[in-house]
């Protein structure tokens, strides 16, 4: 089977464009393709992604699993498990590791509405890390 050569008819609308115009059009079309994917990644998460975030925060895999399960049970997975731990630490004025261990053990979840209202400020982060956030 031979493909019909229709290149000339397909490029008619591009023939008058300069190299710069073609490059601009390329990036415009690429943005249109990629933007929905970026939006999905920004607005959606999964338990495996949240476990990965907690692992990078220094928690062991069993602690991560417990935190993510409880975060999902409370309907907070969309907020991010790392943010849940951080806000609980700020709310209780305790180190992040301790906050995560308490949440993994099932403690503090009855205060979820209260601690999720905690504001993440540089001062609050300094208070729980003592290192300008370097320990996060």
C-alpha atoms as a PDB file:
ATOM      1  CA  UNK A   1       0.000   0.000   0.000  1.00  0.00           C
ATOM      2  CA  UNK A   2       1.358   3.363  -0.980  1.00  0.00           C
ATOM      3  CA  UNK A   3       0.484   6.529   0.890  1.00  0.00           C
ATOM      4  CA  UNK A   4      -0.919   9.353  -1.159  1.00  0.00           C
ATOM      5  CA  UNK A   5       1.382  12.350  -1.033  1.00  0.00           C
ATOM      6  CA  UNK A   6      -0.784  15.203   0.212  1.00  0.00           C
ATOM      7  CA  UNK A   7       1.967  17.222   1.887  1.00  0.00           C
ATOM      8  CA  UNK A   8       1.515  20.214  -0.374  1.00  0.00           C
ATOM      9  CA  UNK A   9      -2.221  20.457   0.330  1.00  0.00           C
ATOM     10  CA  UNK A  10      -1.769  19.995   4.080  1.00  0.00           C
ATOM     11  CA  UNK A  11       0.869  22.741   4.334  1.00  0.00           C
ATOM     12  CA  UNK A  12      -0.997  25.448   2.443  1.00  0.00           C
ATOM     13  CA  UNK A  13      -2.057  27.249   5.638  1.00  0.00           C
ATOM     14  CA  UNK A  14       1.567  27.227   6.843  1.00  0.00           C
ATOM     15  CA  UNK A  15       3.313  28.227   3.606  1.00  0.00           C
ATOM     16  CA  UNK A  16       3.243  31.956   4.281  1.00  0.00           C
ATOM     17  CA  UNK A  17       4.641  31.691   7.820  1.00  0.00           C
ATOM     18  CA  UNK A  18       8.217  32.641   8.641  1.00  0.00           C
ATOM     19  CA  UNK A  19      10.499  30.397  10.634  1.00  0.00           C
ATOM     20  CA  UNK A  20       9.750  32.488  13.729  1.00  0.00           C
ATOM     21  CA  UNK A  21       5.987  32.265  13.112  1.00  0.00           C
ATOM     22  CA  UNK A  22       6.272  28.491  12.731  1.00  0.00           C
ATOM     23  CA  UNK A  23       8.172  28.227  15.991  1.00  0.00           C
ATOM     24  CA  UNK A  24       5.565  30.392  17.779  1.00  0.00           C
ATOM     25  CA  UNK A  25       2.795  28.229  16.349  1.00  0.00           C
ATOM     26  CA  UNK A  26       4.613  25.081  17.459  1.00  0.00           C
ATOM     27  CA  UNK A  27       4.895  26.292  21.056  1.00  0.00           C
ATOM     28  CA  UNK A  28       1.283  27.524  21.047  1.00  0.00           C
ATOM     29  CA  UNK A  29       0.013  24.133  19.916  1.00  0.00           C
ATOM     30  CA  UNK A  30       2.332  22.316  22.343  1.00  0.00           C
ATOM     31  CA  UNK A  31       0.922  24.392  25.205  1.00  0.00           C
ATOM     32  CA  UNK A  32      -2.610  23.464  24.179  1.00  0.00           C
ATOM     33  CA  UNK A  33      -1.672  19.786  24.340  1.00  0.00           C
ATOM     34  CA  UNK A  34       0.308  19.923  27.580  1.00  0.00           C
ATOM     35  CA  UNK A  35      -1.831  22.334  29.660  1.00  0.00           C
ATOM     36  CA  UNK A  36      -4.578  19.784  30.401  1.00  0.00           C
ATOM     37  CA  UNK A  37      -1.936  17.263  31.482  1.00  0.00           C
ATOM     38  CA  UNK A  38      -0.297  19.791  33.780  1.00  0.00           C
ATOM     39  CA  UNK A  39      -3.721  20.647  35.194  1.00  0.00           C
ATOM     40  CA  UNK A  40      -4.431  16.989  35.895  1.00  0.00           C
ATOM     41  CA  UNK A  41      -1.087  16.511  37.603  1.00  0.00           C
ATOM     42  CA  UNK A  42      -1.547  19.687  39.652  1.00  0.00           C
ATOM     43  CA  UNK A  43      -5.113  18.974  40.740  1.00  0.00           C
ATOM     44  CA  UNK A  44      -5.118  15.210  41.165  1.00  0.00           C
ATOM     45  CA  UNK A  45      -3.132  12.855  43.289  1.00  0.00           C
ATOM     46  CA  UNK A  46      -3.096   9.223  44.290  1.00  0.00           C
ATOM     47  CA  UNK A  47      -2.157   7.263  47.387  1.00  0.00           C
ATOM     48  CA  UNK A  48       1.093   6.159  45.742  1.00  0.00           C
ATOM     49  CA  UNK A  49       2.080   9.752  44.974  1.00  0.00           C
ATOM     50  CA  UNK A  50       1.283  10.813  48.536  1.00  0.00           C
ATOM     51  CA  UNK A  51       3.299   7.891  49.969  1.00  0.00           C
ATOM     52  CA  UNK A  52       6.186   8.981  47.763  1.00  0.00           C
ATOM     53  CA  UNK A  53       5.969  12.539  49.109  1.00  0.00           C
ATOM     54  CA  UNK A  54       6.026  11.275  52.694  1.00  0.00           C
ATOM     55  CA  UNK A  55       8.963   8.994  51.941  1.00  0.00           C
ATOM     56  CA  UNK A  56      10.873  12.032  50.722  1.00  0.00           C
ATOM     57  CA  UNK A  57       9.934  13.811  53.934  1.00  0.00           C
ATOM     58  CA  UNK A  58      11.842  11.063  55.761  1.00  0.00           C
ATOM     59  CA  UNK A  59       9.087   8.727  56.947  1.00  0.00           C
ATOM     60  CA  UNK A  60       9.399   4.955  56.652  1.00  0.00           C
ATOM     61  CA  UNK A  61       7.066   3.101  54.297  1.00  0.00           C
ATOM     62  CA  UNK A  62       4.790   1.679  57.023  1.00  0.00           C
ATOM     63  CA  UNK A  63       4.286   5.118  58.537  1.00  0.00           C
ATOM     64  CA  UNK A  64       3.614   6.539  55.071  1.00  0.00           C
ATOM     65  CA  UNK A  65       1.032   3.866  54.360  1.00  0.00           C
ATOM     66  CA  UNK A  66      -0.800   4.531  57.638  1.00  0.00           C
ATOM     67  CA  UNK A  67      -0.792   8.323  57.170  1.00  0.00           C
ATOM     68  CA  UNK A  68      -2.035   8.080  53.582  1.00  0.00           C
ATOM     69  CA  UNK A  69      -4.813   5.640  54.524  1.00  0.00           C
ATOM     70  CA  UNK A  70      -6.024   7.886  57.325  1.00  0.00           C
ATOM     71  CA  UNK A  71      -5.687  10.987  55.135  1.00  0.00           C
ATOM     72  CA  UNK A  72      -7.867   9.284  52.543  1.00  0.00           C
ATOM     73  CA  UNK A  73     -10.400   8.176  55.177  1.00  0.00           C
ATOM     74  CA  UNK A  74     -10.757  11.803  56.283  1.00  0.00           C
ATOM     75  CA  UNK A  75     -11.193  12.991  52.684  1.00  0.00           C
ATOM     76  CA  UNK A  76      -8.006  15.044  52.791  1.00  0.00           C
ATOM     77  CA  UNK A  77      -5.960  13.203  50.172  1.00  0.00           C
ATOM     78  CA  UNK A  78      -6.550  16.019  47.692  1.00  0.00           C
ATOM     79  CA  UNK A  79      -4.883  18.429  50.118  1.00  0.00           C
ATOM     80  CA  UNK A  80      -1.774  16.265  50.179  1.00  0.00           C
ATOM     81  CA  UNK A  81      -0.576  13.986  52.939  1.00  0.00           C
ATOM     82  CA  UNK A  82       2.605  16.030  53.366  1.00  0.00           C
ATOM     83  CA  UNK A  83       0.571  19.166  53.940  1.00  0.00           C
ATOM     84  CA  UNK A  84      -1.614  17.316  56.457  1.00  0.00           C
ATOM     85  CA  UNK A  85       1.477  16.302  58.447  1.00  0.00           C
ATOM     86  CA  UNK A  86       2.987  19.784  58.198  1.00  0.00           C
ATOM     87  CA  UNK A  87      -0.207  21.495  59.334  1.00  0.00           C
ATOM     88  CA  UNK A  88      -0.609  19.071  62.234  1.00  0.00           C
ATOM     89  CA  UNK A  89       2.982  19.781  63.307  1.00  0.00           C
ATOM     90  CA  UNK A  90       2.342  23.530  63.148  1.00  0.00           C
ATOM     91  CA  UNK A  91      -0.964  23.189  65.010  1.00  0.00           C
ATOM     92  CA  UNK A  92       0.621  21.121  67.796  1.00  0.00           C
ATOM     93  CA  UNK A  93       3.986  22.969  67.774  1.00  0.00           C
ATOM     94  CA  UNK A  94       5.867  19.683  67.397  1.00  0.00           C
ATOM     95  CA  UNK A  95       8.513  18.416  64.956  1.00  0.00           C
ATOM     96  CA  UNK A  96       7.290  17.008  61.660  1.00  0.00           C
ATOM     97  CA  UNK A  97       8.566  13.487  62.397  1.00  0.00           C
ATOM     98  CA  UNK A  98       6.652  13.385  65.667  1.00  0.00           C
ATOM     99  CA  UNK A  99       3.509  14.735  63.990  1.00  0.00           C
ATOM    100  CA  UNK A 100       3.697  12.033  61.332  1.00  0.00           C
ATOM    101  CA  UNK A 101       4.178   9.277  63.867  1.00  0.00           C
ATOM    102  CA  UNK A 102       1.212  10.486  65.908  1.00  0.00           C
ATOM    103  CA  UNK A 103      -1.020  10.687  62.829  1.00  0.00           C
ATOM    104  CA  UNK A 104       0.119   7.237  61.701  1.00  0.00           C
ATOM    105  CA  UNK A 105      -0.802   5.889  65.127  1.00  0.00           C
ATOM    106  CA  UNK A 106      -4.303   7.318  64.725  1.00  0.00           C
ATOM    107  CA  UNK A 107      -3.907  10.279  67.034  1.00  0.00           C
ATOM    108  CA  UNK A 108      -5.046  13.803  66.184  1.00  0.00           C
ATOM    109  CA  UNK A 109      -7.494  12.976  63.412  1.00  0.00           C
ATOM    110  CA  UNK A 110     -10.440  14.180  65.490  1.00  0.00           C
ATOM    111  CA  UNK A 111      -8.824  17.642  65.278  1.00  0.00           C
ATOM    112  CA  UNK A 112      -8.402  17.522  61.487  1.00  0.00           C
ATOM    113  CA  UNK A 113     -10.739  20.441  60.818  1.00  0.00           C
ATOM    114  CA  UNK A 114      -8.839  22.578  63.305  1.00  0.00           C
ATOM    115  CA  UNK A 115      -5.302  21.723  62.246  1.00  0.00           C
ATOM    116  CA  UNK A 116      -6.086  21.969  58.530  1.00  0.00           C
ATOM    117  CA  UNK A 117      -7.015  25.601  59.187  1.00  0.00           C
ATOM    118  CA  UNK A 118      -3.471  26.238  60.432  1.00  0.00           C
ATOM    119  CA  UNK A 119      -1.571  28.672  58.262  1.00  0.00           C
ATOM    120  CA  UNK A 120       1.797  27.661  56.850  1.00  0.00           C
ATOM    121  CA  UNK A 121       4.008  30.687  57.391  1.00  0.00           C
ATOM    122  CA  UNK A 122       7.797  30.951  57.435  1.00  0.00           C
ATOM    123  CA  UNK A 123       7.602  31.710  61.156  1.00  0.00           C
ATOM    124  CA  UNK A 124       5.493  28.606  61.820  1.00  0.00           C
ATOM    125  CA  UNK A 125       7.918  26.463  59.846  1.00  0.00           C
ATOM    126  CA  UNK A 126      10.876  27.966  61.714  1.00  0.00           C
ATOM    127  CA  UNK A 127       9.168  27.168  65.001  1.00  0.00           C
ATOM    128  CA  UNK A 128       8.783  23.458  64.254  1.00  0.00           C
ATOM    129  CA  UNK A 129      12.101  22.944  62.426  1.00  0.00           C
ATOM    130  CA  UNK A 130      14.380  25.456  64.086  1.00  0.00           C
ATOM    131  CA  UNK A 131      16.305  25.566  60.819  1.00  0.00           C
ATOM    132  CA  UNK A 132      14.383  27.877  58.538  1.00  0.00           C
ATOM    133  CA  UNK A 133      12.589  24.942  56.992  1.00  0.00           C
ATOM    134  CA  UNK A 134      15.756  23.044  56.132  1.00  0.00           C
ATOM    135  CA  UNK A 135      14.515  20.002  58.031  1.00  0.00           C
ATOM    136  CA  UNK A 136      11.407  19.644  55.892  1.00  0.00           C
END
